[in-house]
């Protein structure tokens, strides 16, 4: 049976999101904290709408009332040698 991914970056499935909701997640941020959905490279661009739809389907609030993901500045990967040079 194929897995339905909600968050491609973190490989979070719809079943994992539903389990988080069943365990008490009531916001997109709650789901993010429990599943890592929305924490990948795209920072939720592709998955937040799907998480919100799942929250709506499972708990009932209108989509317009579901708050979006709290924005965080993206983290950029830097080479380890750059860090080592900055310590000298």
C-alpha atoms as a PDB file:
ATOM      1  CA  UNK A   1       0.000   0.000   0.000  1.00  0.00           C
ATOM      2  CA  UNK A   2       1.546   3.346  -1.014  1.00  0.00           C
ATOM      3  CA  UNK A   3       2.242   5.935   1.661  1.00  0.00           C
ATOM      4  CA  UNK A   4       0.472   9.253   1.189  1.00  0.00           C
ATOM      5  CA  UNK A   5       3.113  11.873   1.986  1.00  0.00           C
ATOM      6  CA  UNK A   6       1.952  15.221   3.268  1.00  0.00           C
ATOM      7  CA  UNK A   7       5.457  16.612   3.805  1.00  0.00           C
ATOM      8  CA  UNK A   8       7.872  15.469   1.129  1.00  0.00           C
ATOM      9  CA  UNK A   9      10.903  17.078   2.777  1.00  0.00           C
ATOM     10  CA  UNK A  10      10.457  15.263   6.089  1.00  0.00           C
ATOM     11  CA  UNK A  11       8.624  12.252   4.582  1.00  0.00           C
ATOM     12  CA  UNK A  12       5.679  12.745   6.943  1.00  0.00           C
ATOM     13  CA  UNK A  13       2.609  10.719   6.014  1.00  0.00           C
ATOM     14  CA  UNK A  14      -1.043  11.624   6.358  1.00  0.00           C
ATOM     15  CA  UNK A  15      -1.344   8.785   8.887  1.00  0.00           C
ATOM     16  CA  UNK A  16       1.357  10.405  11.049  1.00  0.00           C
ATOM     17  CA  UNK A  17      -0.476  13.749  10.881  1.00  0.00           C
ATOM     18  CA  UNK A  18      -3.770  12.067  11.813  1.00  0.00           C
ATOM     19  CA  UNK A  19      -2.035  10.313  14.731  1.00  0.00           C
ATOM     20  CA  UNK A  20      -0.688  13.668  15.958  1.00  0.00           C
ATOM     21  CA  UNK A  21      -4.192  15.137  15.761  1.00  0.00           C
ATOM     22  CA  UNK A  22      -5.603  12.127  17.629  1.00  0.00           C
ATOM     23  CA  UNK A  23      -2.917  12.720  20.280  1.00  0.00           C
ATOM     24  CA  UNK A  24      -4.093  16.307  20.773  1.00  0.00           C
ATOM     25  CA  UNK A  25      -2.529  18.477  18.042  1.00  0.00           C
ATOM     26  CA  UNK A  26      -5.009  21.256  17.207  1.00  0.00           C
ATOM     27  CA  UNK A  27      -2.895  23.670  15.169  1.00  0.00           C
ATOM     28  CA  UNK A  28      -0.476  23.451  12.264  1.00  0.00           C
ATOM     29  CA  UNK A  29       2.318  24.291  14.706  1.00  0.00           C
ATOM     30  CA  UNK A  30       1.232  21.444  17.021  1.00  0.00           C
ATOM     31  CA  UNK A  31       1.404  19.028  14.098  1.00  0.00           C
ATOM     32  CA  UNK A  32       4.819  20.422  13.134  1.00  0.00           C
ATOM     33  CA  UNK A  33       6.179  19.875  16.642  1.00  0.00           C
ATOM     34  CA  UNK A  34       4.912  16.296  16.806  1.00  0.00           C
ATOM     35  CA  UNK A  35       5.765  15.153  13.261  1.00  0.00           C
ATOM     36  CA  UNK A  36       8.418  17.551  11.831  1.00  0.00           C
ATOM     37  CA  UNK A  37       6.068  18.272   8.886  1.00  0.00           C
ATOM     38  CA  UNK A  38       6.875  21.772   7.641  1.00  0.00           C
ATOM     39  CA  UNK A  39      10.416  21.762   9.024  1.00  0.00           C
ATOM     40  CA  UNK A  40      12.164  20.684   5.832  1.00  0.00           C
ATOM     41  CA  UNK A  41      13.984  22.619   3.168  1.00  0.00           C
ATOM     42  CA  UNK A  42      10.787  24.102   1.683  1.00  0.00           C
ATOM     43  CA  UNK A  43       9.693  25.409   5.128  1.00  0.00           C
ATOM     44  CA  UNK A  44       6.114  24.221   4.625  1.00  0.00           C
ATOM     45  CA  UNK A  45       5.437  25.704   1.200  1.00  0.00           C
ATOM     46  CA  UNK A  46       3.981  22.439  -0.054  1.00  0.00           C
ATOM     47  CA  UNK A  47       2.597  20.797   3.075  1.00  0.00           C
ATOM     48  CA  UNK A  48       0.977  23.461   5.257  1.00  0.00           C
ATOM     49  CA  UNK A  49      -2.186  23.555   3.144  1.00  0.00           C
ATOM     50  CA  UNK A  50      -2.470  19.762   3.366  1.00  0.00           C
ATOM     51  CA  UNK A  51      -1.917  19.826   7.116  1.00  0.00           C
ATOM     52  CA  UNK A  52      -4.629  22.489   7.453  1.00  0.00           C
ATOM     53  CA  UNK A  53      -7.031  20.420   5.312  1.00  0.00           C
ATOM     54  CA  UNK A  54      -6.370  17.383   7.484  1.00  0.00           C
ATOM     55  CA  UNK A  55      -6.941  19.419  10.663  1.00  0.00           C
ATOM     56  CA  UNK A  56     -10.212  20.678   9.177  1.00  0.00           C
ATOM     57  CA  UNK A  57     -11.334  17.172   8.233  1.00  0.00           C
ATOM     58  CA  UNK A  58     -10.390  15.653  11.592  1.00  0.00           C
ATOM     59  CA  UNK A  59     -11.400  18.425  14.020  1.00  0.00           C
ATOM     60  CA  UNK A  60     -13.869  20.633  12.160  1.00  0.00           C
ATOM     61  CA  UNK A  61     -12.738  24.273  12.334  1.00  0.00           C
ATOM     62  CA  UNK A  62     -13.151  26.190   9.059  1.00  0.00           C
ATOM     63  CA  UNK A  63      -9.962  26.396   6.991  1.00  0.00           C
ATOM     64  CA  UNK A  64     -10.035  30.195   7.286  1.00  0.00           C
ATOM     65  CA  UNK A  65      -9.704  29.864  11.079  1.00  0.00           C
ATOM     66  CA  UNK A  66      -6.696  27.536  11.020  1.00  0.00           C
ATOM     67  CA  UNK A  67      -3.601  29.647  11.677  1.00  0.00           C
ATOM     68  CA  UNK A  68      -0.684  29.205   9.288  1.00  0.00           C
ATOM     69  CA  UNK A  69       2.688  27.820  10.270  1.00  0.00           C
ATOM     70  CA  UNK A  70       4.840  30.117  12.385  1.00  0.00           C
ATOM     71  CA  UNK A  71       7.527  31.414  10.042  1.00  0.00           C
ATOM     72  CA  UNK A  72      11.129  30.773  10.910  1.00  0.00           C
ATOM     73  CA  UNK A  73      14.124  32.089   8.998  1.00  0.00           C
ATOM     74  CA  UNK A  74      15.602  29.375   6.800  1.00  0.00           C
ATOM     75  CA  UNK A  75      18.795  27.778   7.962  1.00  0.00           C
ATOM     76  CA  UNK A  76      21.579  27.626   5.419  1.00  0.00           C
ATOM     77  CA  UNK A  77      24.131  24.886   5.339  1.00  0.00           C
ATOM     78  CA  UNK A  78      27.690  26.105   5.600  1.00  0.00           C
ATOM     79  CA  UNK A  79      30.910  24.139   5.184  1.00  0.00           C
ATOM     80  CA  UNK A  80      32.567  23.034   8.411  1.00  0.00           C
ATOM     81  CA  UNK A  81      35.878  24.600   7.360  1.00  0.00           C
ATOM     82  CA  UNK A  82      34.191  28.016   7.303  1.00  0.00           C
ATOM     83  CA  UNK A  83      33.191  27.541  10.935  1.00  0.00           C
ATOM     84  CA  UNK A  84      36.695  26.417  11.838  1.00  0.00           C
ATOM     85  CA  UNK A  85      38.215  29.541  10.228  1.00  0.00           C
ATOM     86  CA  UNK A  86      35.876  31.835  12.160  1.00  0.00           C
ATOM     87  CA  UNK A  87      37.152  30.491  15.507  1.00  0.00           C
ATOM     88  CA  UNK A  88      40.778  31.546  14.878  1.00  0.00           C
END
